[in-house]
């Protein structure tokens, strides 16, 4: 089963060199264990554009979608046999990136 893991932060590009090394090591562990699907960091919410295409013409609005102190600073998409395995893996991911993470299964 695949899981979307949000990395939660209140700043953008706030990672230290030590955190980058720990994240690279964790990513290598995901790859070696067959859990790696995809991961990436995200630009600041202020760089986003919200699109509402539900009407006759789409409406484009400068982001962010939600005003909040915290935002999704990055993400992993992982493959794990079940939720318990995903949570165990991402406890290590949280430690590696030194941020809180949210783990959510993809709908089938």
PDB file of N, CA and C in Angstrom:
ATOM      1  N   UNK A   1       0.848  -1.173   0.000  1.00  0.00           N
ATOM      2  CA  UNK A   1       0.000   0.000   0.000  1.00  0.00           C
ATOM      3  C   UNK A   1       0.894   1.237   0.000  1.00  0.00           C
ATOM      4  N   UNK A   2       0.444   2.286  -0.673  1.00  0.00           N
ATOM      5  CA  UNK A   2       1.223   3.512  -0.718  1.00  0.00           C
ATOM      6  C   UNK A   2       0.672   4.541   0.258  1.00  0.00           C
ATOM      7  N   UNK A   3       1.607   5.347   0.781  1.00  0.00           N
ATOM      8  CA  UNK A   3       1.288   6.374   1.771  1.00  0.00           C
ATOM      9  C   UNK A   3       1.914   7.692   1.353  1.00  0.00           C
ATOM     10  N   UNK A   4       1.170   8.767   1.576  1.00  0.00           N
ATOM     11  CA  UNK A   4       1.664  10.128   1.369  1.00  0.00           C
ATOM     12  C   UNK A   4       2.090  10.652   2.722  1.00  0.00           C
ATOM     13  N   UNK A   5       3.328  11.093   2.819  1.00  0.00           N
ATOM     14  CA  UNK A   5       3.866  11.577   4.088  1.00  0.00           C
ATOM     15  C   UNK A   5       4.204  13.050   3.929  1.00  0.00           C
ATOM     16  N   UNK A   6       3.496  13.906   4.660  1.00  0.00           N
ATOM     17  CA  UNK A   6       3.739  15.347   4.630  1.00  0.00           C
ATOM     18  C   UNK A   6       4.765  15.710   5.686  1.00  0.00           C
ATOM     19  N   UNK A   7       5.731  16.516   5.303  1.00  0.00           N
ATOM     20  CA  UNK A   7       6.700  17.057   6.256  1.00  0.00           C
ATOM     21  C   UNK A   7       6.198  18.438   6.655  1.00  0.00           C
ATOM     22  N   UNK A   8       5.986  18.645   7.942  1.00  0.00           N
ATOM     23  CA  UNK A   8       5.350  19.867   8.445  1.00  0.00           C
ATOM     24  C   UNK A   8       6.413  20.792   9.025  1.00  0.00           C
ATOM     25  N   UNK A   9       6.400  22.048   8.597  1.00  0.00           N
ATOM     26  CA  UNK A   9       7.363  23.027   9.089  1.00  0.00           C
ATOM     27  C   UNK A   9       6.694  24.399   9.103  1.00  0.00           C
ATOM     28  N   UNK A  10       7.294  25.336   9.803  1.00  0.00           N
ATOM     29  CA  UNK A  10       6.775  26.701   9.805  1.00  0.00           C
ATOM     30  C   UNK A  10       7.691  27.641   9.013  1.00  0.00           C
ATOM     31  N   UNK A  11       8.739  27.052   8.402  1.00  0.00           N
ATOM     32  CA  UNK A  11       9.668  27.806   7.569  1.00  0.00           C
ATOM     33  C   UNK A  11       9.898  27.025   6.277  1.00  0.00           C
ATOM     34  N   UNK A  12      10.495  27.671   5.295  1.00  0.00           N
ATOM     35  CA  UNK A  12      10.828  27.009   4.043  1.00  0.00           C
ATOM     36  C   UNK A  12      12.342  26.960   3.904  1.00  0.00           C
ATOM     37  N   UNK A  13      12.859  25.868   3.372  1.00  0.00           N
ATOM     38  CA  UNK A  13      14.301  25.689   3.191  1.00  0.00           C
ATOM     39  C   UNK A  13      15.051  25.896   4.501  1.00  0.00           C
ATOM     40  N   UNK A  14      14.522  25.352   5.579  1.00  0.00           N
ATOM     41  CA  UNK A  14      15.104  25.565   6.902  1.00  0.00           C
ATOM     42  C   UNK A  14      16.032  24.440   7.338  1.00  0.00           C
ATOM     43  N   UNK A  15      16.197  23.421   6.494  1.00  0.00           N
ATOM     44  CA  UNK A  15      17.015  22.279   6.861  1.00  0.00           C
ATOM     45  C   UNK A  15      18.489  22.631   6.997  1.00  0.00           C
ATOM     46  N   UNK A  16      19.130  21.983   7.947  1.00  0.00           N
ATOM     47  CA  UNK A  16      20.556  22.179   8.160  1.00  0.00           C
ATOM     48  C   UNK A  16      21.334  21.158   7.332  1.00  0.00           C
ATOM     49  N   UNK A  17      22.632  21.350   7.244  1.00  0.00           N
ATOM     50  CA  UNK A  17      23.486  20.405   6.527  1.00  0.00           C
ATOM     51  C   UNK A  17      23.417  19.023   7.178  1.00  0.00           C
ATOM     52  N   UNK A  18      23.374  18.987   8.497  1.00  0.00           N
ATOM     53  CA  UNK A  18      23.284  17.711   9.215  1.00  0.00           C
ATOM     54  C   UNK A  18      21.961  17.007   8.917  1.00  0.00           C
ATOM     55  N   UNK A  19      20.872  17.766   8.851  1.00  0.00           N
ATOM     56  CA  UNK A  19      19.572  17.183   8.522  1.00  0.00           C
ATOM     57  C   UNK A  19      19.574  16.648   7.095  1.00  0.00           C
ATOM     58  N   UNK A  20      20.213  17.355   6.181  1.00  0.00           N
ATOM     59  CA  UNK A  20      20.280  16.895   4.787  1.00  0.00           C
ATOM     60  C   UNK A  20      20.999  15.549   4.703  1.00  0.00           C
ATOM     61  N   UNK A  21      22.070  15.380   5.457  1.00  0.00           N
ATOM     62  CA  UNK A  21      22.799  14.110   5.475  1.00  0.00           C
ATOM     63  C   UNK A  21      21.901  13.013   6.034  1.00  0.00           C
ATOM     64  N   UNK A  22      21.212  13.302   7.143  1.00  0.00           N
ATOM     65  CA  UNK A  22      20.328  12.308   7.763  1.00  0.00           C
ATOM     66  C   UNK A  22      19.186  11.928   6.828  1.00  0.00           C
ATOM     67  N   UNK A  23      18.641  12.900   6.119  1.00  0.00           N
ATOM     68  CA  UNK A  23      17.552  12.624   5.170  1.00  0.00           C
ATOM     69  C   UNK A  23      18.068  11.763   4.020  1.00  0.00           C
ATOM     70  N   UNK A  24      19.248  12.079   3.495  1.00  0.00           N
ATOM     71  CA  UNK A  24      19.824  11.268   2.411  1.00  0.00           C
ATOM     72  C   UNK A  24      20.026   9.826   2.869  1.00  0.00           C
ATOM     73  N   UNK A  25      20.515   9.647   4.083  1.00  0.00           N
ATOM     74  CA  UNK A  25      20.712   8.298   4.623  1.00  0.00           C
ATOM     75  C   UNK A  25      19.380   7.573   4.783  1.00  0.00           C
ATOM     76  N   UNK A  26      18.364   8.288   5.268  1.00  0.00           N
ATOM     77  CA  UNK A  26      17.036   7.686   5.416  1.00  0.00           C
ATOM     78  C   UNK A  26      16.460   7.317   4.054  1.00  0.00           C
ATOM     79  N   UNK A  27      16.614   8.205   3.069  1.00  0.00           N
ATOM     80  CA  UNK A  27      16.124   7.916   1.715  1.00  0.00           C
ATOM     81  C   UNK A  27      16.810   6.675   1.149  1.00  0.00           C
ATOM     82  N   UNK A  28      18.111   6.543   1.393  1.00  0.00           N
ATOM     83  CA  UNK A  28      18.821   5.339   0.944  1.00  0.00           C
ATOM     84  C   UNK A  28      18.243   4.092   1.604  1.00  0.00           C
ATOM     85  N   UNK A  29      17.880   4.200   2.889  1.00  0.00           N
ATOM     86  CA  UNK A  29      17.272   3.065   3.595  1.00  0.00           C
ATOM     87  C   UNK A  29      15.922   2.707   2.963  1.00  0.00           C
ATOM     88  N   UNK A  30      15.132   3.724   2.607  1.00  0.00           N
ATOM     89  CA  UNK A  30      13.851   3.468   1.944  1.00  0.00           C
ATOM     90  C   UNK A  30      14.070   2.755   0.607  1.00  0.00           C
ATOM     91  N   UNK A  31      15.056   3.215  -0.160  1.00  0.00           N
ATOM     92  CA  UNK A  31      15.339   2.594  -1.460  1.00  0.00           C
ATOM     93  C   UNK A  31      15.772   1.140  -1.283  1.00  0.00           C
ATOM     94  N   UNK A  32      16.722   0.918  -0.373  1.00  0.00           N
ATOM     95  CA  UNK A  32      17.241  -0.427  -0.127  1.00  0.00           C
ATOM     96  C   UNK A  32      16.145  -1.374   0.336  1.00  0.00           C
ATOM     97  N   UNK A  33      15.215  -0.866   1.162  1.00  0.00           N
ATOM     98  CA  UNK A  33      14.135  -1.689   1.689  1.00  0.00           C
ATOM     99  C   UNK A  33      12.952  -1.857   0.745  1.00  0.00           C
ATOM    100  N   UNK A  34      13.021  -1.215  -0.429  1.00  0.00           N
ATOM    101  CA  UNK A  34      11.924  -1.327  -1.388  1.00  0.00           C
ATOM    102  C   UNK A  34      10.716  -0.467  -1.048  1.00  0.00           C
ATOM    103  N   UNK A  35      10.900   0.548  -0.203  1.00  0.00           N
ATOM    104  CA  UNK A  35       9.786   1.406   0.228  1.00  0.00           C
ATOM    105  C   UNK A  35       9.731   2.726  -0.541  1.00  0.00           C
ATOM    106  N   UNK A  36      10.790   3.064  -1.257  1.00  0.00           N
ATOM    107  CA  UNK A  36      10.899   4.351  -1.947  1.00  0.00           C
ATOM    108  C   UNK A  36       9.971   4.393  -3.148  1.00  0.00           C
ATOM    109  N   UNK A  37       9.171   5.450  -3.265  1.00  0.00           N
ATOM    110  CA  UNK A  37       8.409   5.730  -4.474  1.00  0.00           C
ATOM    111  C   UNK A  37       8.862   7.078  -5.025  1.00  0.00           C
ATOM    112  N   UNK A  38       8.782   8.137  -4.190  1.00  0.00           N
ATOM    113  CA  UNK A  38       9.132   9.479  -4.639  1.00  0.00           C
ATOM    114  C   UNK A  38       9.186  10.390  -3.419  1.00  0.00           C
ATOM    115  N   UNK A  39       9.979  11.452  -3.501  1.00  0.00           N
ATOM    116  CA  UNK A  39      10.036  12.440  -2.425  1.00  0.00           C
ATOM    117  C   UNK A  39      10.487  13.765  -2.995  1.00  0.00           C
ATOM    118  N   UNK A  40      10.207  14.835  -2.281  1.00  0.00           N
ATOM    119  CA  UNK A  40      10.669  16.145  -2.725  1.00  0.00           C
ATOM    120  C   UNK A  40      10.355  17.224  -1.713  1.00  0.00           C
ATOM    121  N   UNK A  41      11.069  18.317  -1.835  1.00  0.00           N
ATOM    122  CA  UNK A  41      10.796  19.504  -1.029  1.00  0.00           C
ATOM    123  C   UNK A  41       9.921  20.447  -1.835  1.00  0.00           C
ATOM    124  N   UNK A  42       9.243  21.330  -1.128  1.00  0.00           N
ATOM    125  CA  UNK A  42       8.328  22.264  -1.782  1.00  0.00           C
ATOM    126  C   UNK A  42       8.735  23.705  -1.502  1.00  0.00           C
ATOM    127  N   UNK A  43       8.481  24.582  -2.470  1.00  0.00           N
ATOM    128  CA  UNK A  43       8.726  26.011  -2.298  1.00  0.00           C
ATOM    129  C   UNK A  43       7.729  26.568  -1.283  1.00  0.00           C
ATOM    130  N   UNK A  44       7.961  27.785  -0.843  1.00  0.00           N
ATOM    131  CA  UNK A  44       7.106  28.439   0.156  1.00  0.00           C
ATOM    132  C   UNK A  44       5.664  28.543  -0.342  1.00  0.00           C
ATOM    133  N   UNK A  45       4.697  28.471   0.573  1.00  0.00           N
ATOM    134  CA  UNK A  45       3.289  28.568   0.175  1.00  0.00           C
ATOM    135  C   UNK A  45       2.966  29.849  -0.591  1.00  0.00           C
ATOM    136  N   UNK A  46       3.696  30.908  -0.329  1.00  0.00           N
ATOM    137  CA  UNK A  46       3.440  32.178  -1.014  1.00  0.00           C
ATOM    138  C   UNK A  46       3.719  32.107  -2.512  1.00  0.00           C
ATOM    139  N   UNK A  47       4.434  31.066  -2.945  1.00  0.00           N
ATOM    140  CA  UNK A  47       4.735  30.917  -4.372  1.00  0.00           C
ATOM    141  C   UNK A  47       3.644  30.162  -5.117  1.00  0.00           C
ATOM    142  N   UNK A  48       2.640  29.694  -4.387  1.00  0.00           N
ATOM    143  CA  UNK A  48       1.604  28.857  -5.002  1.00  0.00           C
ATOM    144  C   UNK A  48       0.526  29.688  -5.692  1.00  0.00           C
ATOM    145  N   UNK A  49      -0.203  29.030  -6.566  1.00  0.00           N
ATOM    146  CA  UNK A  49      -1.380  29.603  -7.204  1.00  0.00           C
ATOM    147  C   UNK A  49      -2.528  28.635  -7.011  1.00  0.00           C
ATOM    148  N   UNK A  50      -3.649  29.147  -6.532  1.00  0.00           N
ATOM    149  CA  UNK A  50      -4.845  28.336  -6.344  1.00  0.00           C
ATOM    150  C   UNK A  50      -5.729  28.527  -7.577  1.00  0.00           C
ATOM    151  N   UNK A  51      -6.198  27.419  -8.132  1.00  0.00           N
ATOM    152  CA  UNK A  51      -7.047  27.470  -9.325  1.00  0.00           C
ATOM    153  C   UNK A  51      -8.399  26.871  -8.988  1.00  0.00           C
ATOM    154  N   UNK A  52      -9.456  27.628  -9.257  1.00  0.00           N
ATOM    155  CA  UNK A  52     -10.816  27.129  -9.081  1.00  0.00           C
ATOM    156  C   UNK A  52     -11.448  27.045 -10.467  1.00  0.00           C
ATOM    157  N   UNK A  53     -11.510  25.831 -10.989  1.00  0.00           N
ATOM    158  CA  UNK A  53     -12.049  25.627 -12.328  1.00  0.00           C
ATOM    159  C   UNK A  53     -13.476  25.129 -12.325  1.00  0.00           C
ATOM    160  N   UNK A  54     -14.196  25.368 -11.236  1.00  0.00           N
ATOM    161  CA  UNK A  54     -15.561  24.833 -11.141  1.00  0.00           C
ATOM    162  C   UNK A  54     -16.590  25.680 -11.871  1.00  0.00           C
ATOM    163  N   UNK A  55     -16.290  26.916 -12.196  1.00  0.00           N
ATOM    164  CA  UNK A  55     -17.254  27.783 -12.872  1.00  0.00           C
ATOM    165  C   UNK A  55     -17.051  27.770 -14.373  1.00  0.00           C
ATOM    166  N   UNK A  56     -17.625  28.772 -15.032  1.00  0.00           N
ATOM    167  CA  UNK A  56     -17.501  28.868 -16.490  1.00  0.00           C
ATOM    168  C   UNK A  56     -16.067  29.133 -16.920  1.00  0.00           C
ATOM    169  N   UNK A  57     -15.378  29.965 -16.155  1.00  0.00           N
ATOM    170  CA  UNK A  57     -13.976  30.276 -16.454  1.00  0.00           C
ATOM    171  C   UNK A  57     -13.162  30.040 -15.184  1.00  0.00           C
ATOM    172  N   UNK A  58     -11.967  29.508 -15.317  1.00  0.00           N
ATOM    173  CA  UNK A  58     -11.160  29.273 -14.118  1.00  0.00           C
ATOM    174  C   UNK A  58     -10.756  30.584 -13.452  1.00  0.00           C
ATOM    175  N   UNK A  59     -10.673  30.544 -12.126  1.00  0.00           N
ATOM    176  CA  UNK A  59     -10.240  31.696 -11.341  1.00  0.00           C
ATOM    177  C   UNK A  59      -8.880  31.350 -10.738  1.00  0.00           C
ATOM    178  N   UNK A  60      -7.907  32.200 -10.995  1.00  0.00           N
ATOM    179  CA  UNK A  60      -6.550  32.017 -10.482  1.00  0.00           C
ATOM    180  C   UNK A  60      -6.318  33.010  -9.352  1.00  0.00           C
ATOM    181  N   UNK A  61      -5.864  32.506  -8.211  1.00  0.00           N
ATOM    182  CA  UNK A  61      -5.623  33.341  -7.038  1.00  0.00           C
ATOM    183  C   UNK A  61      -4.236  33.034  -6.491  1.00  0.00           C
ATOM    184  N   UNK A  62      -3.516  34.090  -6.116  1.00  0.00           N
ATOM    185  CA  UNK A  62      -2.225  33.862  -5.472  1.00  0.00           C
ATOM    186  C   UNK A  62      -2.440  33.081  -4.192  1.00  0.00           C
ATOM    187  N   UNK A  63      -1.537  32.108  -3.923  1.00  0.00           N
ATOM    188  CA  UNK A  63      -1.640  31.283  -2.724  1.00  0.00           C
ATOM    189  C   UNK A  63      -1.167  32.026  -1.508  1.00  0.00           C
ATOM    190  N   UNK A  64      -1.211  31.390  -0.388  1.00  0.00           N
ATOM    191  CA  UNK A  64      -1.523  29.970  -0.204  1.00  0.00           C
ATOM    192  C   UNK A  64      -3.016  29.711  -0.086  1.00  0.00           C
ATOM    193  N   UNK A  65      -3.372  28.442  -0.222  1.00  0.00           N
ATOM    194  CA  UNK A  65      -4.759  28.017  -0.099  1.00  0.00           C
ATOM    195  C   UNK A  65      -5.274  28.244   1.319  1.00  0.00           C
ATOM    196  N   UNK A  66      -4.438  27.945   2.308  1.00  0.00           N
ATOM    197  CA  UNK A  66      -4.818  28.084   3.711  1.00  0.00           C
ATOM    198  C   UNK A  66      -3.807  28.979   4.407  1.00  0.00           C
ATOM    199  N   UNK A  67      -4.285  29.957   5.163  1.00  0.00           N
ATOM    200  CA  UNK A  67      -3.401  30.789   5.980  1.00  0.00           C
ATOM    201  C   UNK A  67      -3.099  30.027   7.251  1.00  0.00           C
ATOM    202  N   UNK A  68      -1.831  29.733   7.469  1.00  0.00           N
ATOM    203  CA  UNK A  68      -1.439  28.935   8.622  1.00  0.00           C
ATOM    204  C   UNK A  68       0.009  29.224   8.972  1.00  0.00           C
ATOM    205  N   UNK A  69       0.370  29.026  10.226  1.00  0.00           N
ATOM    206  CA  UNK A  69       1.766  29.176  10.625  1.00  0.00           C
ATOM    207  C   UNK A  69       2.606  28.035  10.063  1.00  0.00           C
ATOM    208  N   UNK A  70       2.000  26.852   9.928  1.00  0.00           N
ATOM    209  CA  UNK A  70       2.712  25.691   9.433  1.00  0.00           C
ATOM    210  C   UNK A  70       2.210  25.326   8.040  1.00  0.00           C
ATOM    211  N   UNK A  71       3.056  24.651   7.307  1.00  0.00           N
ATOM    212  CA  UNK A  71       2.689  24.237   5.950  1.00  0.00           C
ATOM    213  C   UNK A  71       3.442  22.960   5.600  1.00  0.00           C
ATOM    214  N   UNK A  72       3.108  22.393   4.457  1.00  0.00           N
ATOM    215  CA  UNK A  72       3.805  21.210   3.964  1.00  0.00           C
ATOM    216  C   UNK A  72       5.080  21.700   3.276  1.00  0.00           C
ATOM    217  N   UNK A  73       6.209  21.368   3.881  1.00  0.00           N
ATOM    218  CA  UNK A  73       7.501  21.812   3.371  1.00  0.00           C
ATOM    219  C   UNK A  73       8.117  20.786   2.422  1.00  0.00           C
ATOM    220  N   UNK A  74       7.643  19.556   2.495  1.00  0.00           N
ATOM    221  CA  UNK A  74       8.148  18.490   1.655  1.00  0.00           C
ATOM    222  C   UNK A  74       7.292  17.261   1.833  1.00  0.00           C
ATOM    223  N   UNK A  75       7.650  16.189   1.129  1.00  0.00           N
ATOM    224  CA  UNK A  75       6.827  14.990   1.221  1.00  0.00           C
ATOM    225  C   UNK A  75       7.620  13.765   0.801  1.00  0.00           C
ATOM    226  N   UNK A  76       7.137  12.638   1.224  1.00  0.00           N
ATOM    227  CA  UNK A  76       7.571  11.332   0.727  1.00  0.00           C
ATOM    228  C   UNK A  76       6.330  10.598   0.248  1.00  0.00           C
ATOM    229  N   UNK A  77       6.459   9.791  -0.750  1.00  0.00           N
ATOM    230  CA  UNK A  77       5.468   8.779  -1.091  1.00  0.00           C
ATOM    231  C   UNK A  77       6.197   7.458  -0.910  1.00  0.00           C
ATOM    232  N   UNK A  78       5.670   6.636  -0.007  1.00  0.00           N
ATOM    233  CA  UNK A  78       6.345   5.380   0.310  1.00  0.00           C
ATOM    234  C   UNK A  78       5.422   4.206   0.062  1.00  0.00           C
ATOM    235  N   UNK A  79       6.016   3.052  -0.047  1.00  0.00           N
ATOM    236  CA  UNK A  79       5.306   1.788  -0.178  1.00  0.00           C
ATOM    237  C   UNK A  79       5.581   0.994   1.092  1.00  0.00           C
ATOM    238  N   UNK A  80       4.551   0.536   1.749  1.00  0.00           N
ATOM    239  CA  UNK A  80       4.705  -0.267   2.963  1.00  0.00           C
ATOM    240  C   UNK A  80       3.601  -1.316   2.991  1.00  0.00           C
ATOM    241  N   UNK A  81       3.857  -2.462   3.614  1.00  0.00           N
ATOM    242  CA  UNK A  81       2.856  -3.532   3.611  1.00  0.00           C
ATOM    243  C   UNK A  81       1.586  -3.179   4.383  1.00  0.00           C
ATOM    244  N   UNK A  82       1.719  -2.292   5.384  1.00  0.00           N
ATOM    245  CA  UNK A  82       0.549  -1.900   6.176  1.00  0.00           C
ATOM    246  C   UNK A  82       0.852  -0.615   6.926  1.00  0.00           C
ATOM    247  N   UNK A  83      -0.160  -0.088   7.611  1.00  0.00           N
ATOM    248  CA  UNK A  83      -0.018   1.183   8.322  1.00  0.00           C
ATOM    249  C   UNK A  83       1.034   1.094   9.418  1.00  0.00           C
ATOM    250  N   UNK A  84       1.076  -0.008  10.156  1.00  0.00           N
ATOM    251  CA  UNK A  84       2.070  -0.132  11.224  1.00  0.00           C
ATOM    252  C   UNK A  84       3.487  -0.019  10.675  1.00  0.00           C
ATOM    253  N   UNK A  85       3.758  -0.658   9.550  1.00  0.00           N
ATOM    254  CA  UNK A  85       5.084  -0.578   8.933  1.00  0.00           C
ATOM    255  C   UNK A  85       5.368   0.848   8.458  1.00  0.00           C
ATOM    256  N   UNK A  86       4.374   1.505   7.874  1.00  0.00           N
ATOM    257  CA  UNK A  86       4.546   2.884   7.415  1.00  0.00           C
ATOM    258  C   UNK A  86       4.849   3.813   8.586  1.00  0.00           C
ATOM    259  N   UNK A  87       4.126   3.631   9.688  1.00  0.00           N
ATOM    260  CA  UNK A  87       4.354   4.479  10.859  1.00  0.00           C
ATOM    261  C   UNK A  87       5.740   4.247  11.455  1.00  0.00           C
ATOM    262  N   UNK A  88       6.182   3.007  11.504  1.00  0.00           N
ATOM    263  CA  UNK A  88       7.512   2.701  12.027  1.00  0.00           C
ATOM    264  C   UNK A  88       8.588   3.341  11.146  1.00  0.00           C
ATOM    265  N   UNK A  89       8.433   3.222   9.834  1.00  0.00           N
ATOM    266  CA  UNK A  89       9.395   3.846   8.924  1.00  0.00           C
ATOM    267  C   UNK A  89       9.430   5.353   9.102  1.00  0.00           C
ATOM    268  N   UNK A  90       8.263   5.956   9.160  1.00  0.00           N
ATOM    269  CA  UNK A  90       8.222   7.407   9.166  1.00  0.00           C
ATOM    270  C   UNK A  90       8.528   8.011  10.530  1.00  0.00           C
ATOM    271  N   UNK A  91       8.524   7.197  11.585  1.00  0.00           N
ATOM    272  CA  UNK A  91       9.070   7.677  12.853  1.00  0.00           C
ATOM    273  C   UNK A  91      10.556   7.962  12.651  1.00  0.00           C
ATOM    274  N   UNK A  92      11.221   7.109  11.877  1.00  0.00           N
ATOM    275  CA  UNK A  92      12.626   7.339  11.531  1.00  0.00           C
ATOM    276  C   UNK A  92      12.766   8.546  10.598  1.00  0.00           C
ATOM    277  N   UNK A  93      11.825   8.694   9.665  1.00  0.00           N
ATOM    278  CA  UNK A  93      11.848   9.835   8.757  1.00  0.00           C
ATOM    279  C   UNK A  93      11.691  11.149   9.505  1.00  0.00           C
ATOM    280  N   UNK A  94      10.811  11.178  10.485  1.00  0.00           N
ATOM    281  CA  UNK A  94      10.610  12.370  11.304  1.00  0.00           C
ATOM    282  C   UNK A  94      11.896  12.722  12.048  1.00  0.00           C
ATOM    283  N   UNK A  95      12.541  11.707  12.570  1.00  0.00           N
ATOM    284  CA  UNK A  95      13.802  11.920  13.282  1.00  0.00           C
ATOM    285  C   UNK A  95      14.866  12.446  12.320  1.00  0.00           C
ATOM    286  N   UNK A  96      14.928  11.867  11.116  1.00  0.00           N
ATOM    287  CA  UNK A  96      15.942  12.257  10.137  1.00  0.00           C
ATOM    288  C   UNK A  96      15.789  13.711   9.700  1.00  0.00           C
ATOM    289  N   UNK A  97      14.561  14.135   9.414  1.00  0.00           N
ATOM    290  CA  UNK A  97      14.354  15.503   8.933  1.00  0.00           C
ATOM    291  C   UNK A  97      14.143  16.496  10.061  1.00  0.00           C
ATOM    292  N   UNK A  98      13.998  15.972  11.288  1.00  0.00           N
ATOM    293  CA  UNK A  98      13.822  16.827  12.471  1.00  0.00           C
ATOM    294  C   UNK A  98      12.563  17.693  12.361  1.00  0.00           C
ATOM    295  N   UNK A  99      11.515  17.093  11.816  1.00  0.00           N
ATOM    296  CA  UNK A  99      10.219  17.770  11.660  1.00  0.00           C
ATOM    297  C   UNK A  99       9.108  16.770  11.987  1.00  0.00           C
ATOM    298  N   UNK A 100       7.922  17.292  12.267  1.00  0.00           N
ATOM    299  CA  UNK A 100       6.751  16.428  12.395  1.00  0.00           C
ATOM    300  C   UNK A 100       6.345  15.985  10.999  1.00  0.00           C
ATOM    301  N   UNK A 101       5.775  14.797  10.907  1.00  0.00           N
ATOM    302  CA  UNK A 101       5.265  14.310   9.630  1.00  0.00           C
ATOM    303  C   UNK A 101       3.843  13.784   9.824  1.00  0.00           C
ATOM    304  N   UNK A 102       3.084  13.795   8.760  1.00  0.00           N
ATOM    305  CA  UNK A 102       1.733  13.231   8.744  1.00  0.00           C
ATOM    306  C   UNK A 102       1.714  12.118   7.715  1.00  0.00           C
ATOM    307  N   UNK A 103       1.239  10.953   8.104  1.00  0.00           N
ATOM    308  CA  UNK A 103       1.184   9.781   7.234  1.00  0.00           C
ATOM    309  C   UNK A 103      -0.274   9.530   6.851  1.00  0.00           C
ATOM    310  N   UNK A 104      -0.546   9.482   5.533  1.00  0.00           N
ATOM    311  CA  UNK A 104      -1.916   9.252   5.057  1.00  0.00           C
ATOM    312  C   UNK A 104      -1.897   8.227   3.946  1.00  0.00           C
ATOM    313  N   UNK A 105      -2.765   7.203   4.050  1.00  0.00           N
ATOM    314  CA  UNK A 105      -2.829   6.207   2.970  1.00  0.00           C
ATOM    315  C   UNK A 105      -3.515   6.805   1.742  1.00  0.00           C
ATOM    316  N   UNK A 106      -3.078   6.347   0.574  1.00  0.00           N
ATOM    317  CA  UNK A 106      -3.790   6.688  -0.654  1.00  0.00           C
ATOM    318  C   UNK A 106      -5.070   5.867  -0.690  1.00  0.00           C
ATOM    319  N   UNK A 107      -6.101   6.426  -1.266  1.00  0.00           N
ATOM    320  CA  UNK A 107      -7.357   5.703  -1.449  1.00  0.00           C
ATOM    321  C   UNK A 107      -7.171   4.668  -2.550  1.00  0.00           C
ATOM    322  N   UNK A 108      -7.823   3.579  -2.407  1.00  0.00           N
ATOM    323  CA  UNK A 108      -7.743   2.534  -3.437  1.00  0.00           C
ATOM    324  C   UNK A 108      -8.910   2.619  -4.354  1.00  0.00           C
TER     325      UNK A 108
END
